[in-house]
Amino acid sequence: MKVKSINKYYLIGIIPLLLLNMVLGLILTYETKWIFYSILAISLAIIYKIFMKFSCLPKRATEYKDFRPLDLKIPIPYDVELYISSDLDKYDFLNRVVEVISPLHQQKGEKLRVVISEKFLKTYRKRFMEIAVCREIEKFRTKSTLKIVLALIIPILTVTAIVMYGCIIEINILKHFSLFVGYFLLPFFTVVLILTYLWFWNKYMSREEMRLDRFLMSHFKTSDIEEYIITMEKIEGGEEAPKNKEFNEFYAKKRLEKLKEKH
């Protein structure tokens, strides 16, 4: 099963809108030179940093310490190379289990490299690690994280551009609406729309998690997947604030319920 680099989609989704926002910001601040040149310098620096970041995700193979091949058989025939590294264990609170190294330019016939945490490999049983590896590769292959990230960033950048454009052409809302509507109802509905969108975005993230769970059911036992979900919840919940932990525990339970329904 072929796994291809997705870096270009991040750049296509983010860079044009960033450039648009930069141009609109420069037009707005043209009369104030120090702000104009500050925005220009900061914007170009951000765009450069983003381009460099997405030249290889999450970082180049040469930057991993103790990077070596791993002979781990997984039940799904992904066309990738598996490696192990202790570099993923540098910060315990990050809980980096598996990472897919994705270069911007993938050569013809080049296989993507998948790095696995040495600590997790030694600590947890083989079936757990097989599920973790397959889940991360499938998430990458189906562009799940890409869709989630762009579904948040693109609307934010688009709304920012619309607001700046409105300022440039000097739209006077109060010419069309009363003070009550302009200063209360419109801001109120704007906040409601933003919160509603964030709610749907969060629901979308949950659906993507459940979709991956369903996919894994065709290759692993339901009991193994349930054990994986419970174990990961304990691992990731250890460093979280009580409110976040309660929130994530709720979604973990929902995922387990969905698994039982399918089973």
Protein backbone atom coordinates (compact mmCIF):
# COMPACT_ATOMS: atom_id res chain seq x y z
CA MET A 1 0.00 0.00 0.00
CA LYS A 2 1.68 3.19 -1.24
CA VAL A 3 2.24 6.05 1.20
CA LYS A 4 3.02 9.44 -0.37
CA SER A 5 4.37 12.72 0.97
CA ILE A 6 1.69 15.31 1.83
CA ASN A 7 3.84 18.37 2.60
CA LYS A 8 2.86 20.21 -0.58
CA TYR A 9 -0.80 20.24 0.48
CA TYR A 10 0.07 22.10 3.67
CA LEU A 11 1.98 24.70 1.65
CA ILE A 12 -0.81 25.04 -0.93
CA GLY A 13 -3.39 25.48 1.82
CA ILE A 14 -1.45 27.93 3.99
CA ILE A 15 1.08 29.99 1.98
CA PRO A 16 -1.33 31.72 -0.52
CA LEU A 17 -3.64 32.87 2.28
CA LEU A 18 -0.68 34.06 4.34
CA LEU A 19 0.58 36.06 1.36
CA LEU A 20 -2.89 37.54 0.84
CA ASN A 21 -3.08 38.57 4.50
CA MET A 22 0.41 40.04 4.27
CA VAL A 23 -0.51 42.15 1.22
CA LEU A 24 -3.75 43.36 2.82
CA GLY A 25 -1.89 44.21 6.04
CA LEU A 26 0.71 46.16 4.08
CA ILE A 27 -2.00 48.11 2.25
CA LEU A 28 -3.68 48.96 5.55
CA THR A 29 -0.46 50.19 7.17
CA TYR A 30 1.17 51.85 4.16
CA GLU A 31 0.93 55.33 5.69
CA THR A 32 2.73 54.24 8.87
CA LYS A 33 6.16 53.18 7.65
CA TRP A 34 7.50 51.48 10.79
CA ILE A 35 4.40 49.28 11.06
CA PHE A 36 4.49 48.64 7.30
CA TYR A 37 8.09 47.40 7.33
CA SER A 38 7.56 45.47 10.59
CA ILE A 39 4.64 43.56 9.08
CA LEU A 40 6.63 42.93 5.90
CA ALA A 41 9.65 41.57 7.80
CA ILE A 42 7.59 39.45 10.22
CA SER A 43 5.37 38.06 7.45
CA LEU A 44 8.32 37.08 5.25
CA ALA A 45 10.06 35.47 8.24
CA ILE A 46 6.93 33.45 9.09
CA ILE A 47 6.46 32.31 5.48
CA TYR A 48 10.13 31.31 5.27
CA LYS A 49 9.91 29.38 8.56
CA ILE A 50 6.75 27.58 7.40
CA PHE A 51 8.34 26.64 4.09
CA MET A 52 11.45 25.32 5.85
CA LYS A 53 9.31 23.42 8.37
CA PHE A 54 7.33 21.69 5.63
CA SER A 55 10.43 20.89 3.59
CA CYS A 56 10.54 17.77 5.78
CA LEU A 57 8.02 16.76 8.45
CA PRO A 58 8.53 16.48 11.36
CA LYS A 59 12.28 16.67 10.72
CA ARG A 60 14.98 15.05 8.59
CA ALA A 61 16.12 11.50 9.31
CA THR A 62 19.67 12.78 9.90
CA GLU A 63 18.40 14.87 12.83
CA TYR A 64 17.23 11.81 14.77
CA LYS A 65 19.66 10.40 17.33
CA ASP A 66 20.37 6.67 17.46
CA PHE A 67 18.46 6.16 14.20
CA ARG A 68 18.51 2.54 13.05
CA PRO A 69 16.37 0.09 11.02
CA LEU A 70 13.71 -1.96 12.82
CA ASP A 71 12.50 -5.41 11.88
CA LEU A 72 8.85 -5.20 12.98
CA LYS A 73 6.22 -7.08 10.99
CA ILE A 74 2.88 -5.29 10.70
CA PRO A 75 -0.30 -6.89 9.28
CA ILE A 76 -0.98 -4.10 6.77
CA PRO A 77 1.33 -4.06 3.72
CA TYR A 78 2.34 -0.39 3.78
CA ASP A 79 5.18 0.52 1.44
CA VAL A 80 7.34 2.12 4.14
CA GLU A 81 10.61 1.53 6.00
CA LEU A 82 10.52 1.15 9.78
CA TYR A 83 13.17 2.64 12.07
CA ILE A 84 13.71 3.01 15.80
CA SER A 85 15.09 6.01 17.67
CA SER A 86 15.51 7.10 21.27
CA ASP A 87 15.10 10.70 20.08
CA LEU A 88 11.32 10.34 20.41
CA ASP A 89 11.78 9.73 24.13
CA LYS A 90 13.66 12.97 24.81
CA TYR A 91 10.64 14.68 26.39
CA ASP A 92 8.36 12.32 28.31
CA PHE A 93 5.39 14.69 28.35
CA LEU A 94 5.18 14.70 24.51
CA ASN A 95 4.44 10.95 24.31
CA ARG A 96 5.88 10.60 20.80
CA VAL A 97 5.17 6.97 19.88
CA VAL A 98 5.36 6.94 16.06
CA GLU A 99 6.35 9.58 13.49
CA VAL A 100 6.22 9.46 9.70
CA ILE A 101 9.12 11.32 8.06
CA SER A 102 7.68 13.14 5.06
CA PRO A 103 10.01 15.06 2.69
CA LEU A 104 8.59 17.78 0.45
CA HIS A 105 10.08 16.10 -2.63
CA GLN A 106 9.65 12.34 -2.58
CA GLN A 107 11.85 10.67 -5.18
CA LYS A 108 10.36 8.10 -7.54
CA GLY A 109 10.38 4.73 -5.81
CA GLU A 110 11.43 6.27 -2.48
CA LYS A 111 9.73 4.79 0.56
CA LEU A 112 8.72 7.02 3.45
CA ARG A 113 10.43 6.28 6.76
CA VAL A 114 8.47 5.60 9.93
CA VAL A 115 10.24 6.18 13.26
CA ILE A 116 9.18 4.32 16.39
CA SER A 117 9.94 5.23 20.00
CA GLU A 118 12.52 2.93 21.56
CA LYS A 119 11.00 3.41 25.02
CA PHE A 120 7.48 2.47 23.92
CA LEU A 121 8.78 -0.50 21.94
CA LYS A 122 10.49 -1.86 25.04
CA THR A 123 7.65 -1.01 27.43
CA TYR A 124 4.52 -2.20 25.60
CA ARG A 125 3.68 -5.50 23.99
CA LYS A 126 4.13 -6.18 20.28
CA ARG A 127 0.42 -6.01 19.37
CA PHE A 128 0.09 -2.56 20.95
CA MET A 129 3.01 -1.25 18.90
CA GLU A 130 1.66 -2.81 15.69
CA ILE A 131 -1.63 -0.97 16.20
CA ALA A 132 0.18 2.28 17.02
CA VAL A 133 2.34 2.04 13.88
CA CYS A 134 -0.53 1.08 11.55
CA ARG A 135 -2.77 3.77 12.98
CA GLU A 136 -0.18 6.51 12.46
CA ILE A 137 0.62 5.38 8.93
CA GLU A 138 -3.06 5.16 8.00
CA LYS A 139 -3.72 8.58 9.50
CA PHE A 140 -0.90 9.93 7.37
CA ARG A 141 -1.92 8.01 4.22
CA THR A 142 -5.52 9.26 4.36
CA LYS A 143 -4.36 12.84 5.12
CA SER A 144 -6.40 12.88 8.34
CA THR A 145 -4.17 15.32 10.26
CA LEU A 146 -3.77 17.48 7.15
CA LYS A 147 -7.56 17.86 6.81
CA ILE A 148 -7.98 18.67 10.49
CA VAL A 149 -5.21 21.30 10.50
CA LEU A 150 -6.34 23.01 7.29
CA ALA A 151 -9.98 22.92 8.39
CA LEU A 152 -8.96 25.20 11.25
CA ILE A 153 -6.27 27.38 9.65
CA ILE A 154 -7.95 28.15 6.30
CA PRO A 155 -11.15 29.64 7.83
CA ILE A 156 -9.11 31.73 10.29
CA LEU A 157 -6.91 33.17 7.55
CA THR A 158 -9.90 33.68 5.24
CA VAL A 159 -11.92 35.59 7.85
CA THR A 160 -8.85 37.69 8.71
CA ALA A 161 -8.44 38.58 5.03
CA ILE A 162 -12.13 39.50 4.70
CA VAL A 163 -11.97 41.77 7.77
CA MET A 164 -8.84 43.55 6.50
CA TYR A 165 -10.36 43.95 3.04
CA GLY A 166 -13.45 45.47 4.64
CA CYS A 167 -11.22 47.96 6.46
CA ILE A 168 -9.38 48.83 3.24
CA ILE A 169 -12.57 49.64 1.29
CA GLU A 170 -13.94 51.34 4.44
CA ILE A 171 -17.19 49.47 4.83
CA ASN A 172 -19.36 51.40 7.30
CA ILE A 173 -21.69 48.88 8.91
CA LEU A 174 -23.60 51.60 10.74
CA LYS A 175 -24.77 53.00 7.39
CA HIS A 176 -26.81 49.85 6.89
CA PHE A 177 -27.67 48.83 10.46
CA SER A 178 -28.69 50.47 13.72
CA LEU A 179 -26.26 50.93 16.63
CA PHE A 180 -27.85 47.97 18.44
CA VAL A 181 -27.36 45.68 15.47
CA GLY A 182 -23.89 46.99 14.61
CA TYR A 183 -22.42 46.97 18.11
CA PHE A 184 -24.31 44.09 19.72
CA LEU A 185 -26.15 41.66 17.44
CA LEU A 186 -23.47 41.34 14.72
CA PRO A 187 -20.59 40.77 17.20
CA PHE A 188 -22.81 38.35 19.17
CA PHE A 189 -23.70 36.28 16.11
CA THR A 190 -20.08 36.37 14.97
CA VAL A 191 -18.98 34.83 18.27
CA VAL A 192 -21.79 32.25 18.04
CA LEU A 193 -20.72 31.31 14.51
CA ILE A 194 -17.08 30.93 15.57
CA LEU A 195 -17.98 28.75 18.56
CA THR A 196 -20.35 26.68 16.40
CA TYR A 197 -17.65 26.11 13.82
CA LEU A 198 -15.14 25.10 16.51
CA TRP A 199 -17.71 22.64 17.88
CA PHE A 200 -18.18 21.06 14.45
CA TRP A 201 -14.41 21.03 13.94
CA ASN A 202 -13.96 19.19 17.21
CA LYS A 203 -16.68 16.72 16.20
CA TYR A 204 -14.85 16.19 12.91
CA MET A 205 -11.67 15.34 14.82
CA SER A 206 -13.59 12.77 16.84
CA ARG A 207 -15.10 11.25 13.69
CA GLU A 208 -11.64 10.90 12.19
CA GLU A 209 -10.45 9.05 15.31
CA MET A 210 -13.43 6.72 15.12
CA ARG A 211 -12.88 6.16 11.39
CA LEU A 212 -9.33 5.02 12.12
CA ASP A 213 -10.64 2.72 14.84
CA ARG A 214 -13.07 1.13 12.35
CA PHE A 215 -10.30 0.69 9.81
CA LEU A 216 -8.09 -1.09 12.33
CA MET A 217 -10.91 -3.50 13.16
CA SER A 218 -10.43 -5.16 9.79
CA HIS A 219 -6.83 -6.05 10.71
CA PHE A 220 -6.81 -6.42 14.51
CA LYS A 221 -9.03 -7.91 17.18
CA THR A 222 -11.52 -5.49 18.73
CA SER A 223 -10.18 -6.33 22.20
CA ASP A 224 -6.66 -5.32 21.12
CA ILE A 225 -7.91 -1.99 19.76
CA GLU A 226 -9.87 -1.35 22.96
CA GLU A 227 -6.75 -2.06 24.99
CA TYR A 228 -4.79 0.34 22.78
CA ILE A 229 -7.35 3.16 23.26
CA ILE A 230 -7.44 2.66 27.05
CA THR A 231 -3.65 2.50 27.31
CA MET A 232 -3.11 5.62 25.17
CA GLU A 233 -5.70 7.51 27.21
CA LYS A 234 -3.78 6.67 30.38
CA ILE A 235 -0.46 7.67 28.78
CA GLU A 236 -1.70 10.97 27.33
CA GLY A 237 -3.92 11.83 30.30
CA GLY A 238 -1.12 11.61 32.83
CA GLU A 239 0.22 15.12 32.08
CA GLU A 240 -3.11 16.84 31.37
CA ALA A 241 -5.06 19.30 33.46
CA PRO A 242 -8.14 17.80 35.17
CA LYS A 243 -10.62 19.49 32.78
CA ASN A 244 -8.77 18.36 29.67
CA LYS A 245 -8.37 14.87 31.10
CA GLU A 246 -12.11 14.61 31.76
CA PHE A 247 -12.87 15.85 28.24
CA ASN A 248 -10.52 13.32 26.59
CA GLU A 249 -11.77 10.49 28.79
CA PHE A 250 -15.28 11.23 27.54
CA TYR A 251 -14.21 10.87 23.89
CA ALA A 252 -12.21 7.75 24.67
CA LYS A 253 -15.38 6.21 26.13
CA LYS A 254 -17.33 7.23 23.01
CA ARG A 255 -14.72 5.54 20.83
CA LEU A 256 -14.96 2.36 22.90
CA GLU A 257 -18.77 2.43 22.64
CA LYS A 258 -18.57 2.76 18.86
CA LEU A 259 -16.18 -0.18 18.70
CA LYS A 260 -18.60 -2.35 20.66
CA GLU A 261 -21.46 -1.31 18.36
CA LYS A 262 -19.48 -2.33 15.28
CA HIS A 263 -18.35 -5.52 16.95
